[in-house]
PDB file of N, CA and C in Angstrom:
ATOM      1  N   MET A   1       0.839  -1.184   0.000  1.00  0.00           N
ATOM      2  CA  MET A   1       0.000   0.000   0.000  1.00  0.00           C
ATOM      3  C   MET A   1       0.886   1.250   0.000  1.00  0.00           C
ATOM      4  N   PRO A   2       0.563   2.208  -0.849  1.00  0.00           N
ATOM      5  CA  PRO A   2       1.347   3.439  -0.839  1.00  0.00           C
ATOM      6  C   PRO A   2       1.044   4.292   0.393  1.00  0.00           C
ATOM      7  N   THR A   3       2.028   5.061   0.797  1.00  0.00           N
ATOM      8  CA  THR A   3       1.835   6.034   1.854  1.00  0.00           C
ATOM      9  C   THR A   3       1.249   7.310   1.258  1.00  0.00           C
ATOM     10  N   VAL A   4       1.755   7.685   0.072  1.00  0.00           N
ATOM     11  CA  VAL A   4       1.300   8.875  -0.648  1.00  0.00           C
ATOM     12  C   VAL A   4       1.073   8.507  -2.105  1.00  0.00           C
ATOM     13  N   ALA A   5      -0.027   9.004  -2.674  1.00  0.00           N
ATOM     14  CA  ALA A   5      -0.348   8.775  -4.082  1.00  0.00           C
ATOM     15  C   ALA A   5      -0.826  10.091  -4.695  1.00  0.00           C
ATOM     16  N   LEU A   6      -0.167  10.502  -5.796  1.00  0.00           N
ATOM     17  CA  LEU A   6      -0.489  11.777  -6.424  1.00  0.00           C
ATOM     18  C   LEU A   6      -0.555  11.641  -7.936  1.00  0.00           C
ATOM     19  N   ASP A   7      -1.462  12.384  -8.572  1.00  0.00           N
ATOM     20  CA  ASP A   7      -1.481  12.500 -10.020  1.00  0.00           C
ATOM     21  C   ASP A   7      -0.435  13.521 -10.422  1.00  0.00           C
ATOM     22  N   LEU A   8       0.209  13.271 -11.554  1.00  0.00           N
ATOM     23  CA  LEU A   8       1.207  14.209 -12.056  1.00  0.00           C
ATOM     24  C   LEU A   8       0.642  14.981 -13.236  1.00  0.00           C
ATOM     25  N   PRO A   9       0.992  16.250 -13.340  1.00  0.00           N
ATOM     26  CA  PRO A   9       0.491  17.045 -14.468  1.00  0.00           C
ATOM     27  C   PRO A   9       1.242  16.701 -15.751  1.00  0.00           C
ATOM     28  N   ARG A  10       0.696  17.105 -16.860  1.00  0.00           N
ATOM     29  CA  ARG A  10       1.332  16.911 -18.162  1.00  0.00           C
ATOM     30  C   ARG A  10       2.617  17.718 -18.231  1.00  0.00           C
ATOM     31  N   GLY A  11       3.481  17.274 -19.107  1.00  0.00           N
ATOM     32  CA  GLY A  11       4.724  18.003 -19.339  1.00  0.00           C
ATOM     33  C   GLY A  11       5.921  17.237 -18.806  1.00  0.00           C
ATOM     34  N   LYS A  12       7.079  17.788 -19.081  1.00  0.00           N
ATOM     35  CA  LYS A  12       8.344  17.151 -18.702  1.00  0.00           C
ATOM     36  C   LYS A  12       8.980  17.852 -17.511  1.00  0.00           C
ATOM     37  N   PHE A  13       8.130  18.410 -16.641  1.00  0.00           N
ATOM     38  CA  PHE A  13       8.662  19.204 -15.537  1.00  0.00           C
ATOM     39  C   PHE A  13       9.609  18.415 -14.653  1.00  0.00           C
ATOM     40  N   MET A  14       9.271  17.181 -14.304  1.00  0.00           N
ATOM     41  CA  MET A  14      10.128  16.392 -13.419  1.00  0.00           C
ATOM     42  C   MET A  14      11.422  16.008 -14.117  1.00  0.00           C
ATOM     43  N   LYS A  15      11.340  15.591 -15.354  1.00  0.00           N
ATOM     44  CA  LYS A  15      12.519  15.159 -16.105  1.00  0.00           C
ATOM     45  C   LYS A  15      13.527  16.302 -16.207  1.00  0.00           C
ATOM     46  N   THR A  16      13.070  17.483 -16.516  1.00  0.00           N
ATOM     47  CA  THR A  16      13.959  18.643 -16.649  1.00  0.00           C
ATOM     48  C   THR A  16      14.679  18.934 -15.341  1.00  0.00           C
ATOM     49  N   ILE A  17      13.937  18.948 -14.254  1.00  0.00           N
ATOM     50  CA  ILE A  17      14.530  19.231 -12.939  1.00  0.00           C
ATOM     51  C   ILE A  17      15.504  18.138 -12.524  1.00  0.00           C
ATOM     52  N   VAL A  18      15.108  16.889 -12.686  1.00  0.00           N
ATOM     53  CA  VAL A  18      15.965  15.771 -12.285  1.00  0.00           C
ATOM     54  C   VAL A  18      17.256  15.766 -13.099  1.00  0.00           C
ATOM     55  N   ASP A  19      17.174  16.043 -14.388  1.00  0.00           N
ATOM     56  CA  ASP A  19      18.386  16.080 -15.213  1.00  0.00           C
ATOM     57  C   ASP A  19      19.337  17.188 -14.768  1.00  0.00           C
ATOM     58  N   ARG A  20      18.802  18.323 -14.373  1.00  0.00           N
ATOM     59  CA  ARG A  20      19.663  19.406 -13.869  1.00  0.00           C
ATOM     60  C   ARG A  20      20.290  19.033 -12.523  1.00  0.00           C
ATOM     61  N   MET A  21      19.516  18.374 -11.677  1.00  0.00           N
ATOM     62  CA  MET A  21      20.030  17.968 -10.370  1.00  0.00           C
ATOM     63  C   MET A  21      21.078  16.861 -10.487  1.00  0.00           C
ATOM     64  N   ALA A  22      21.011  16.065 -11.555  1.00  0.00           N
ATOM     65  CA  ALA A  22      21.955  14.960 -11.754  1.00  0.00           C
ATOM     66  C   ALA A  22      23.389  15.462 -11.901  1.00  0.00           C
ATOM     67  N   LYS A  23      23.551  16.710 -12.273  1.00  0.00           N
ATOM     68  CA  LYS A  23      24.892  17.282 -12.403  1.00  0.00           C
ATOM     69  C   LYS A  23      25.525  17.560 -11.043  1.00  0.00           C
ATOM     70  N   LEU A  24      24.697  17.569  -9.986  1.00  0.00           N
ATOM     71  CA  LEU A  24      25.185  17.908  -8.651  1.00  0.00           C
ATOM     72  C   LEU A  24      25.287  16.723  -7.699  1.00  0.00           C
ATOM     73  N   SER A  25      24.510  15.664  -7.964  1.00  0.00           N
ATOM     74  CA  SER A  25      24.436  14.572  -6.990  1.00  0.00           C
ATOM     75  C   SER A  25      24.115  13.246  -7.671  1.00  0.00           C
ATOM     76  N   LYS A  26      24.422  12.169  -6.980  1.00  0.00           N
ATOM     77  CA  LYS A  26      24.084  10.837  -7.480  1.00  0.00           C
ATOM     78  C   LYS A  26      22.700  10.393  -7.025  1.00  0.00           C
ATOM     79  N   HIS A  27      22.142  11.107  -6.042  1.00  0.00           N
ATOM     80  CA  HIS A  27      20.848  10.719  -5.480  1.00  0.00           C
ATOM     81  C   HIS A  27      19.916  11.919  -5.379  1.00  0.00           C
ATOM     82  N   VAL A  28      18.638  11.650  -5.519  1.00  0.00           N
ATOM     83  CA  VAL A  28      17.607  12.660  -5.301  1.00  0.00           C
ATOM     84  C   VAL A  28      16.701  12.141  -4.191  1.00  0.00           C
ATOM     85  N   THR A  29      16.318  13.023  -3.293  1.00  0.00           N
ATOM     86  CA  THR A  29      15.375  12.679  -2.236  1.00  0.00           C
ATOM     87  C   THR A  29      14.043  13.330  -2.570  1.00  0.00           C
ATOM     88  N   ILE A  30      12.991  12.521  -2.532  1.00  0.00           N
ATOM     89  CA  ILE A  30      11.658  13.027  -2.822  1.00  0.00           C
ATOM     90  C   ILE A  30      10.833  12.971  -1.540  1.00  0.00           C
ATOM     91  N   HIS A  31      10.331  14.120  -1.141  1.00  0.00           N
ATOM     92  CA  HIS A  31       9.409  14.242  -0.017  1.00  0.00           C
ATOM     93  C   HIS A  31       8.036  14.490  -0.631  1.00  0.00           C
ATOM     94  N   ALA A  32       7.064  13.674  -0.302  1.00  0.00           N
ATOM     95  CA  ALA A  32       5.721  13.844  -0.856  1.00  0.00           C
ATOM     96  C   ALA A  32       4.694  13.858   0.267  1.00  0.00           C
ATOM     97  N   GLU A  33       3.643  14.636   0.038  1.00  0.00           N
ATOM     98  CA  GLU A  33       2.554  14.731   1.006  1.00  0.00           C
ATOM     99  C   GLU A  33       1.244  14.466   0.295  1.00  0.00           C
ATOM    100  N   GLN A  34       0.350  13.764   0.953  1.00  0.00           N
ATOM    101  CA  GLN A  34      -0.945  13.441   0.361  1.00  0.00           C
ATOM    102  C   GLN A  34      -1.785  14.698   0.121  1.00  0.00           C
ATOM    103  N   THR A  35      -1.375  15.804   0.686  1.00  0.00           N
ATOM    104  CA  THR A  35      -2.071  17.074   0.471  1.00  0.00           C
ATOM    105  C   THR A  35      -1.823  17.630  -0.925  1.00  0.00           C
ATOM    106  N   GLY A  36      -0.880  17.031  -1.675  1.00  0.00           N
ATOM    107  CA  GLY A  36      -0.601  17.483  -3.033  1.00  0.00           C
ATOM    108  C   GLY A  36       0.706  18.231  -3.186  1.00  0.00           C
ATOM    109  N   ARG A  37       1.585  18.078  -2.233  1.00  0.00           N
ATOM    110  CA  ARG A  37       2.877  18.762  -2.268  1.00  0.00           C
ATOM    111  C   ARG A  37       3.995  17.740  -2.444  1.00  0.00           C
ATOM    112  N   MET A  38       5.009  18.107  -3.254  1.00  0.00           N
ATOM    113  CA  MET A  38       6.152  17.233  -3.473  1.00  0.00           C
ATOM    114  C   MET A  38       7.407  18.101  -3.551  1.00  0.00           C
ATOM    115  N   ILE A  39       8.500  17.606  -2.951  1.00  0.00           N
ATOM    116  CA  ILE A  39       9.767  18.331  -2.938  1.00  0.00           C
ATOM    117  C   ILE A  39      10.861  17.395  -3.431  1.00  0.00           C
ATOM    118  N   PHE A  40      11.619  17.840  -4.438  1.00  0.00           N
ATOM    119  CA  PHE A  40      12.798  17.120  -4.910  1.00  0.00           C
ATOM    120  C   PHE A  40      14.006  17.828  -4.313  1.00  0.00           C
ATOM    121  N   GLY A  41      14.940  17.059  -3.753  1.00  0.00           N
ATOM    122  CA  GLY A  41      16.114  17.679  -3.170  1.00  0.00           C
ATOM    123  C   GLY A  41      17.382  16.894  -3.430  1.00  0.00           C
ATOM    124  N   VAL A  42      18.485  17.631  -3.607  1.00  0.00           N
ATOM    125  CA  VAL A  42      19.810  17.020  -3.731  1.00  0.00           C
ATOM    126  C   VAL A  42      20.759  17.760  -2.804  1.00  0.00           C
ATOM    127  N   ASP A  43      21.754  17.034  -2.327  1.00  0.00           N
ATOM    128  CA  ASP A  43      22.793  17.624  -1.492  1.00  0.00           C
ATOM    129  C   ASP A  43      24.123  17.530  -2.220  1.00  0.00           C
ATOM    130  N   HIS A  44      24.837  18.637  -2.222  1.00  0.00           N
ATOM    131  CA  HIS A  44      26.158  18.716  -2.820  1.00  0.00           C
ATOM    132  C   HIS A  44      27.074  19.292  -1.753  1.00  0.00           C
ATOM    133  N   SER A  45      28.356  19.117  -1.908  1.00  0.00           N
ATOM    134  CA  SER A  45      29.271  19.610  -0.883  1.00  0.00           C
ATOM    135  C   SER A  45      29.183  21.122  -0.694  1.00  0.00           C
ATOM    136  N   THR A  46      28.739  21.846  -1.732  1.00  0.00           N
ATOM    137  CA  THR A  46      28.680  23.301  -1.628  1.00  0.00           C
ATOM    138  C   THR A  46      27.263  23.865  -1.558  1.00  0.00           C
ATOM    139  N   ALA A  47      26.258  23.005  -1.782  1.00  0.00           N
ATOM    140  CA  ALA A  47      24.890  23.542  -1.792  1.00  0.00           C
ATOM    141  C   ALA A  47      23.865  22.441  -1.540  1.00  0.00           C
ATOM    142  N   ARG A  48      22.719  22.868  -1.080  1.00  0.00           N
ATOM    143  CA  ARG A  48      21.556  21.993  -0.939  1.00  0.00           C
ATOM    144  C   ARG A  48      20.456  22.629  -1.788  1.00  0.00           C
ATOM    145  N   ILE A  49      19.952  21.874  -2.761  1.00  0.00           N
ATOM    146  CA  ILE A  49      18.974  22.425  -3.695  1.00  0.00           C
ATOM    147  C   ILE A  49      17.668  21.652  -3.572  1.00  0.00           C
ATOM    148  N   LYS A  50      16.556  22.413  -3.520  1.00  0.00           N
ATOM    149  CA  LYS A  50      15.233  21.809  -3.442  1.00  0.00           C
ATOM    150  C   LYS A  50      14.322  22.468  -4.466  1.00  0.00           C
ATOM    151  N   THR A  51      13.462  21.670  -5.058  1.00  0.00           N
ATOM    152  CA  THR A  51      12.433  22.163  -5.961  1.00  0.00           C
ATOM    153  C   THR A  51      11.085  21.750  -5.392  1.00  0.00           C
ATOM    154  N   TYR A  52      10.193  22.719  -5.258  1.00  0.00           N
ATOM    155  CA  TYR A  52       8.892  22.491  -4.632  1.00  0.00           C
ATOM    156  C   TYR A  52       7.791  22.456  -5.689  1.00  0.00           C
ATOM    157  N   TYR A  53       6.888  21.499  -5.537  1.00  0.00           N
ATOM    158  CA  TYR A  53       5.695  21.413  -6.379  1.00  0.00           C
ATOM    159  C   TYR A  53       4.485  21.367  -5.454  1.00  0.00           C
ATOM    160  N   ALA A  54       3.504  22.191  -5.738  1.00  0.00           N
ATOM    161  CA  ALA A  54       2.279  22.215  -4.944  1.00  0.00           C
ATOM    162  C   ALA A  54       1.087  22.104  -5.885  1.00  0.00           C
ATOM    163  N   GLY A  55      -0.048  21.774  -5.330  1.00  0.00           N
ATOM    164  CA  GLY A  55      -1.263  21.707  -6.129  1.00  0.00           C
ATOM    165  C   GLY A  55      -1.426  20.431  -6.930  1.00  0.00           C
ATOM    166  N   LEU A  56      -0.649  19.407  -6.601  1.00  0.00           N
ATOM    167  CA  LEU A  56      -0.834  18.121  -7.271  1.00  0.00           C
ATOM    168  C   LEU A  56      -2.110  17.473  -6.740  1.00  0.00           C
ATOM    169  N   THR A  57      -2.761  16.696  -7.561  1.00  0.00           N
ATOM    170  CA  THR A  57      -4.033  16.084  -7.184  1.00  0.00           C
ATOM    171  C   THR A  57      -3.788  14.761  -6.450  1.00  0.00           C
ATOM    172  N   PRO A  58      -4.285  14.638  -5.221  1.00  0.00           N
ATOM    173  CA  PRO A  58      -4.147  13.367  -4.492  1.00  0.00           C
ATOM    174  C   PRO A  58      -4.987  12.265  -5.134  1.00  0.00           C
ATOM    175  N   ARG A  59      -4.474  11.050  -5.081  1.00  0.00           N
ATOM    176  CA  ARG A  59      -5.218   9.868  -5.522  1.00  0.00           C
ATOM    177  C   ARG A  59      -5.645   9.112  -4.266  1.00  0.00           C
ATOM    178  N   TRP A  60      -6.870   8.632  -4.273  1.00  0.00           N
ATOM    179  CA  TRP A  60      -7.408   7.954  -3.090  1.00  0.00           C
ATOM    180  C   TRP A  60      -7.742   6.498  -3.365  1.00  0.00           C
ATOM    181  N   ASP A  61      -7.224   5.912  -4.438  1.00  0.00           N
ATOM    182  CA  ASP A  61      -7.544   4.537  -4.829  1.00  0.00           C
ATOM    183  C   ASP A  61      -7.461   3.553  -3.657  1.00  0.00           C
ATOM    184  N   ASN A  62      -6.315   3.510  -3.009  1.00  0.00           N
ATOM    185  CA  ASN A  62      -6.082   2.546  -1.930  1.00  0.00           C
ATOM    186  C   ASN A  62      -5.921   3.216  -0.569  1.00  0.00           C
ATOM    187  N   LEU A  63      -6.283   4.486  -0.497  1.00  0.00           N
ATOM    188  CA  LEU A  63      -6.124   5.235   0.740  1.00  0.00           C
ATOM    189  C   LEU A  63      -7.478   5.707   1.247  1.00  0.00           C
ATOM    190  N   ASN A  64      -7.558   5.905   2.541  1.00  0.00           N
ATOM    191  CA  ASN A  64      -8.780   6.398   3.170  1.00  0.00           C
ATOM    192  C   ASN A  64      -8.660   7.916   3.323  1.00  0.00           C
ATOM    193  N   GLN A  65      -9.512   8.647   2.660  1.00  0.00           N
ATOM    194  CA  GLN A  65      -9.426  10.104   2.664  1.00  0.00           C
ATOM    195  C   GLN A  65      -9.578  10.685   4.062  1.00  0.00           C
ATOM    196  N   GLN A  66     -10.354  10.055   4.908  1.00  0.00           N
ATOM    197  CA  GLN A  66     -10.569  10.554   6.272  1.00  0.00           C
ATOM    198  C   GLN A  66      -9.328  10.358   7.149  1.00  0.00           C
ATOM    199  N   VAL A  67      -8.614   9.263   6.936  1.00  0.00           N
ATOM    200  CA  VAL A  67      -7.481   8.897   7.796  1.00  0.00           C
ATOM    201  C   VAL A  67      -6.141   9.341   7.206  1.00  0.00           C
ATOM    202  N   ASP A  68      -5.974   9.206   5.893  1.00  0.00           N
ATOM    203  CA  ASP A  68      -4.670   9.367   5.255  1.00  0.00           C
ATOM    204  C   ASP A  68      -4.411  10.742   4.655  1.00  0.00           C
ATOM    205  N   HIS A  69      -5.263  11.718   4.883  1.00  0.00           N
ATOM    206  CA  HIS A  69      -5.127  13.014   4.225  1.00  0.00           C
ATOM    207  C   HIS A  69      -3.863  13.788   4.633  1.00  0.00           C
ATOM    208  N   ARG A  70      -3.218  13.398   5.716  1.00  0.00           N
ATOM    209  CA  ARG A  70      -1.983  14.061   6.155  1.00  0.00           C
ATOM    210  C   ARG A  70      -0.741  13.189   5.989  1.00  0.00           C
ATOM    211  N   ASN A  71      -0.858  12.105   5.244  1.00  0.00           N
ATOM    212  CA  ASN A  71       0.282  11.204   5.040  1.00  0.00           C
ATOM    213  C   ASN A  71       1.452  11.933   4.390  1.00  0.00           C
ATOM    214  N   LYS A  72       2.659  11.531   4.808  1.00  0.00           N
ATOM    215  CA  LYS A  72       3.901  12.036   4.225  1.00  0.00           C
ATOM    216  C   LYS A  72       4.812  10.860   3.964  1.00  0.00           C
ATOM    217  N   ALA A  73       5.623  10.967   2.925  1.00  0.00           N
ATOM    218  CA  ALA A  73       6.558   9.894   2.593  1.00  0.00           C
ATOM    219  C   ALA A  73       7.840  10.485   2.034  1.00  0.00           C
ATOM    220  N   VAL A  74       8.934   9.782   2.264  1.00  0.00           N
ATOM    221  CA  VAL A  74      10.247  10.182   1.755  1.00  0.00           C
ATOM    222  C   VAL A  74      10.873   8.960   1.103  1.00  0.00           C
ATOM    223  N   VAL A  75      11.525   9.191  -0.036  1.00  0.00           N
ATOM    224  CA  VAL A  75      12.248   8.109  -0.691  1.00  0.00           C
ATOM    225  C   VAL A  75      13.498   8.701  -1.342  1.00  0.00           C
ATOM    226  N   LYS A  76      14.603   7.956  -1.263  1.00  0.00           N
ATOM    227  CA  LYS A  76      15.868   8.386  -1.863  1.00  0.00           C
ATOM    228  C   LYS A  76      16.150   7.474  -3.054  1.00  0.00           C
ATOM    229  N   LEU A  77      16.428   8.092  -4.215  1.00  0.00           N
ATOM    230  CA  LEU A  77      16.590   7.333  -5.453  1.00  0.00           C
ATOM    231  C   LEU A  77      17.919   7.633  -6.131  1.00  0.00           C
ATOM    232  N   ASP A  78      18.409   6.658  -6.896  1.00  0.00           N
ATOM    233  CA  ASP A  78      19.526   6.895  -7.798  1.00  0.00           C
ATOM    234  C   ASP A  78      19.025   7.854  -8.871  1.00  0.00           C
ATOM    235  N   ILE A  79      19.632   9.009  -8.978  1.00  0.00           N
ATOM    236  CA  ILE A  79      19.085  10.055  -9.834  1.00  0.00           C
ATOM    237  C   ILE A  79      19.161   9.701 -11.324  1.00  0.00           C
ATOM    238  N   ARG A  80      20.180   8.993 -11.747  1.00  0.00           N
ATOM    239  CA  ARG A  80      20.302   8.632 -13.171  1.00  0.00           C
ATOM    240  C   ARG A  80      19.265   7.573 -13.561  1.00  0.00           C
ATOM    241  N   ARG A  81      19.037   6.635 -12.695  1.00  0.00           N
ATOM    242  CA  ARG A  81      18.001   5.626 -12.986  1.00  0.00           C
ATOM    243  C   ARG A  81      16.610   6.256 -12.995  1.00  0.00           C
ATOM    244  N   PHE A  82      16.360   7.162 -12.059  1.00  0.00           N
ATOM    245  CA  PHE A  82      15.072   7.841 -12.021  1.00  0.00           C
ATOM    246  C   PHE A  82      14.874   8.682 -13.281  1.00  0.00           C
ATOM    247  N   SER A  83      15.918   9.342 -13.731  1.00  0.00           N
ATOM    248  CA  SER A  83      15.843  10.132 -14.960  1.00  0.00           C
ATOM    249  C   SER A  83      15.510   9.244 -16.160  1.00  0.00           C
ATOM    250  N   ALA A  84      16.105   8.062 -16.201  1.00  0.00           N
ATOM    251  CA  ALA A  84      15.820   7.128 -17.308  1.00  0.00           C
ATOM    252  C   ALA A  84      14.357   6.695 -17.299  1.00  0.00           C
ATOM    253  N   VAL A  85      13.805   6.448 -16.126  1.00  0.00           N
ATOM    254  CA  VAL A  85      12.398   6.066 -16.022  1.00  0.00           C
ATOM    255  C   VAL A  85      11.499   7.224 -16.463  1.00  0.00           C
ATOM    256  N   LEU A  86      11.903   8.448 -16.164  1.00  0.00           N
ATOM    257  CA  LEU A  86      11.095   9.613 -16.534  1.00  0.00           C
ATOM    258  C   LEU A  86      11.053   9.861 -18.040  1.00  0.00           C
ATOM    259  N   ASN A  87      11.860   9.148 -18.808  1.00  0.00           N
ATOM    260  CA  ASN A  87      11.785   9.269 -20.268  1.00  0.00           C
ATOM    261  C   ASN A  87      10.403   8.907 -20.781  1.00  0.00           C
ATOM    262  N   ILE A  88       9.647   8.146 -20.024  1.00  0.00           N
ATOM    263  CA  ILE A  88       8.289   7.768 -20.411  1.00  0.00           C
ATOM    264  C   ILE A  88       7.423   9.006 -20.613  1.00  0.00           C
ATOM    265  N   HIS A  89       7.748  10.085 -19.932  1.00  0.00           N
ATOM    266  CA  HIS A  89       6.946  11.302 -20.050  1.00  0.00           C
ATOM    267  C   HIS A  89       7.117  11.994 -21.397  1.00  0.00           C
ATOM    268  N   SER A  90       8.101  11.563 -22.201  1.00  0.00           N
ATOM    269  CA  SER A  90       8.243  12.127 -23.541  1.00  0.00           C
ATOM    270  C   SER A  90       7.292  11.432 -24.526  1.00  0.00           C
ATOM    271  N   MET A  91       6.654  10.368 -24.092  1.00  0.00           N
ATOM    272  CA  MET A  91       5.699   9.650 -24.935  1.00  0.00           C
ATOM    273  C   MET A  91       4.304  10.252 -24.768  1.00  0.00           C
ATOM    274  N   ASN A  92       3.398   9.860 -25.628  1.00  0.00           N
ATOM    275  CA  ASN A  92       2.019  10.337 -25.557  1.00  0.00           C
ATOM    276  C   ASN A  92       1.273   9.480 -24.530  1.00  0.00           C
ATOM    277  N   TRP A  93       0.852  10.084 -23.422  1.00  0.00           N
ATOM    278  CA  TRP A  93       0.206   9.331 -22.346  1.00  0.00           C
ATOM    279  C   TRP A  93      -1.089   9.998 -21.918  1.00  0.00           C
ATOM    280  N   GLU A  94      -1.958   9.169 -21.349  1.00  0.00           N
ATOM    281  CA  GLU A  94      -3.269   9.662 -20.903  1.00  0.00           C
ATOM    282  C   GLU A  94      -3.252  10.136 -19.461  1.00  0.00           C
ATOM    283  N   SER A  95      -2.604   9.374 -18.582  1.00  0.00           N
ATOM    284  CA  SER A  95      -2.515   9.775 -17.180  1.00  0.00           C
ATOM    285  C   SER A  95      -1.225   9.240 -16.578  1.00  0.00           C
ATOM    286  N   SER A  96      -0.775   9.930 -15.519  1.00  0.00           N
ATOM    287  CA  SER A  96       0.459   9.557 -14.851  1.00  0.00           C
ATOM    288  C   SER A  96       0.288   9.804 -13.357  1.00  0.00           C
ATOM    289  N   SER A  97       0.671   8.811 -12.563  1.00  0.00           N
ATOM    290  CA  SER A  97       0.549   8.911 -11.107  1.00  0.00           C
ATOM    291  C   SER A  97       1.837   8.420 -10.463  1.00  0.00           C
ATOM    292  N   ILE A  98       2.115   8.963  -9.284  1.00  0.00           N
ATOM    293  CA  ILE A  98       3.278   8.540  -8.525  1.00  0.00           C
ATOM    294  C   ILE A  98       2.799   8.000  -7.183  1.00  0.00           C
ATOM    295  N   TYR A  99       3.313   6.847  -6.812  1.00  0.00           N
ATOM    296  CA  TYR A  99       2.968   6.197  -5.550  1.00  0.00           C
ATOM    297  C   TYR A  99       4.261   6.011  -4.764  1.00  0.00           C
ATOM    298  N   ILE A 100       4.278   6.457  -3.512  1.00  0.00           N
ATOM    299  CA  ILE A 100       5.482   6.345  -2.694  1.00  0.00           C
ATOM    300  C   ILE A 100       5.157   5.603  -1.412  1.00  0.00           C
ATOM    301  N   VAL A 101       5.962   4.579  -1.141  1.00  0.00           N
ATOM    302  CA  VAL A 101       5.906   3.860   0.128  1.00  0.00           C
ATOM    303  C   VAL A 101       7.077   4.403   0.943  1.00  0.00           C
ATOM    304  N   ASP A 102       6.787   4.984   2.089  1.00  0.00           N
ATOM    305  CA  ASP A 102       7.785   5.685   2.889  1.00  0.00           C
ATOM    306  C   ASP A 102       9.050   4.859   3.094  1.00  0.00           C
ATOM    307  N   ASN A 103      10.182   5.436   2.686  1.00  0.00           N
ATOM    308  CA  ASN A 103      11.520   4.849   2.839  1.00  0.00           C
ATOM    309  C   ASN A 103      11.689   3.488   2.168  1.00  0.00           C
ATOM    310  N   GLN A 104      10.822   3.160   1.204  1.00  0.00           N
ATOM    311  CA  GLN A 104      10.940   1.848   0.581  1.00  0.00           C
ATOM    312  C   GLN A 104      10.880   1.866  -0.936  1.00  0.00           C
ATOM    313  N   ALA A 105       9.887   2.534  -1.510  1.00  0.00           N
ATOM    314  CA  ALA A 105       9.694   2.401  -2.960  1.00  0.00           C
ATOM    315  C   ALA A 105       8.983   3.600  -3.554  1.00  0.00           C
ATOM    316  N   LEU A 106       9.239   3.794  -4.848  1.00  0.00           N
ATOM    317  CA  LEU A 106       8.502   4.764  -5.644  1.00  0.00           C
ATOM    318  C   LEU A 106       8.010   4.026  -6.883  1.00  0.00           C
ATOM    319  N   ILE A 107       6.744   4.175  -7.169  1.00  0.00           N
ATOM    320  CA  ILE A 107       6.152   3.550  -8.360  1.00  0.00           C
ATOM    321  C   ILE A 107       5.576   4.669  -9.212  1.00  0.00           C
ATOM    322  N   LEU A 108       5.975   4.700 -10.466  1.00  0.00           N
ATOM    323  CA  LEU A 108       5.430   5.655 -11.420  1.00  0.00           C
ATOM    324  C   LEU A 108       4.509   4.871 -12.343  1.00  0.00           C
ATOM    325  N   ASN A 109       3.223   5.188 -12.295  1.00  0.00           N
ATOM    326  CA  ASN A 109       2.213   4.491 -13.096  1.00  0.00           C
ATOM    327  C   ASN A 109       1.798   5.403 -14.243  1.00  0.00           C
ATOM    328  N   VAL A 110       2.055   4.977 -15.469  1.00  0.00           N
ATOM    329  CA  VAL A 110       1.722   5.778 -16.645  1.00  0.00           C
ATOM    330  C   VAL A 110       0.809   4.964 -17.543  1.00  0.00           C
ATOM    331  N   ILE A 111      -0.323   5.539 -17.911  1.00  0.00           N
ATOM    332  CA  ILE A 111      -1.221   4.894 -18.861  1.00  0.00           C
ATOM    333  C   ILE A 111      -0.992   5.569 -20.209  1.00  0.00           C
ATOM    334  N   LEU A 112      -0.483   4.786 -21.152  1.00  0.00           N
ATOM    335  CA  LEU A 112      -0.163   5.308 -22.473  1.00  0.00           C
ATOM    336  C   LEU A 112      -1.415   5.474 -23.312  1.00  0.00           C
ATOM    337  N   SER A 113      -1.353   6.377 -24.263  1.00  0.00           N
ATOM    338  CA  SER A 113      -2.451   6.549 -25.218  1.00  0.00           C
ATOM    339  C   SER A 113      -2.596   5.275 -26.048  1.00  0.00           C
ATOM    340  N   PRO A 114      -3.769   5.023 -26.604  1.00  0.00           N
ATOM    341  CA  PRO A 114      -4.027   3.762 -27.314  1.00  0.00           C
ATOM    342  C   PRO A 114      -3.053   3.459 -28.450  1.00  0.00           C
ATOM    343  N   HIS A 115      -2.503   4.477 -29.072  1.00  0.00           N
ATOM    344  CA  HIS A 115      -1.630   4.241 -30.232  1.00  0.00           C
ATOM    345  C   HIS A 115      -0.162   4.392 -29.892  1.00  0.00           C
ATOM    346  N   GLU A 116       0.167   4.372 -28.645  1.00  0.00           N
ATOM    347  CA  GLU A 116       1.533   4.549 -28.195  1.00  0.00           C
ATOM    348  C   GLU A 116       2.029   3.246 -27.586  1.00  0.00           C
ATOM    349  N   ALA A 117       3.297   2.967 -27.746  1.00  0.00           N
ATOM    350  CA  ALA A 117       3.915   1.786 -27.144  1.00  0.00           C
ATOM    351  C   ALA A 117       5.306   2.164 -26.703  1.00  0.00           C
ATOM    352  N   GLY A 118       5.835   1.476 -25.719  1.00  0.00           N
ATOM    353  CA  GLY A 118       7.168   1.790 -25.257  1.00  0.00           C
ATOM    354  C   GLY A 118       7.652   0.832 -24.202  1.00  0.00           C
ATOM    355  N   THR A 119       8.874   1.027 -23.787  1.00  0.00           N
ATOM    356  CA  THR A 119       9.503   0.180 -22.777  1.00  0.00           C
ATOM    357  C   THR A 119      10.076   1.050 -21.683  1.00  0.00           C
ATOM    358  N   VAL A 120       9.878   0.630 -20.438  1.00  0.00           N
ATOM    359  CA  VAL A 120      10.476   1.328 -19.300  1.00  0.00           C
ATOM    360  C   VAL A 120      11.412   0.349 -18.613  1.00  0.00           C
TER     361      VAL A 120
END
């Protein structure tokens, strides 16, 4: 079961940010809140950089809106592998969601358009 589940907006916003952060660090830390907020952060010997996203739409598929509305989750990822997975956002897709299990896993669920195919 995810701790936090959010819909992602259209565009390559995450890919662009992650690729820029990859020049500074080998890992990205993602802090997500079921309220619709997500923070990407990297640490470098000379700087700590964070990018904030707000207004993301919460998904309630497997979560209880009454109980889980304040859930928070953190996950640390290999930034180059995460960037490779985000290449899916360059394809034509219908919907995209991110599911995070606190300190364990991140799942990116993308539903491709009917005439699109690809490999992740």
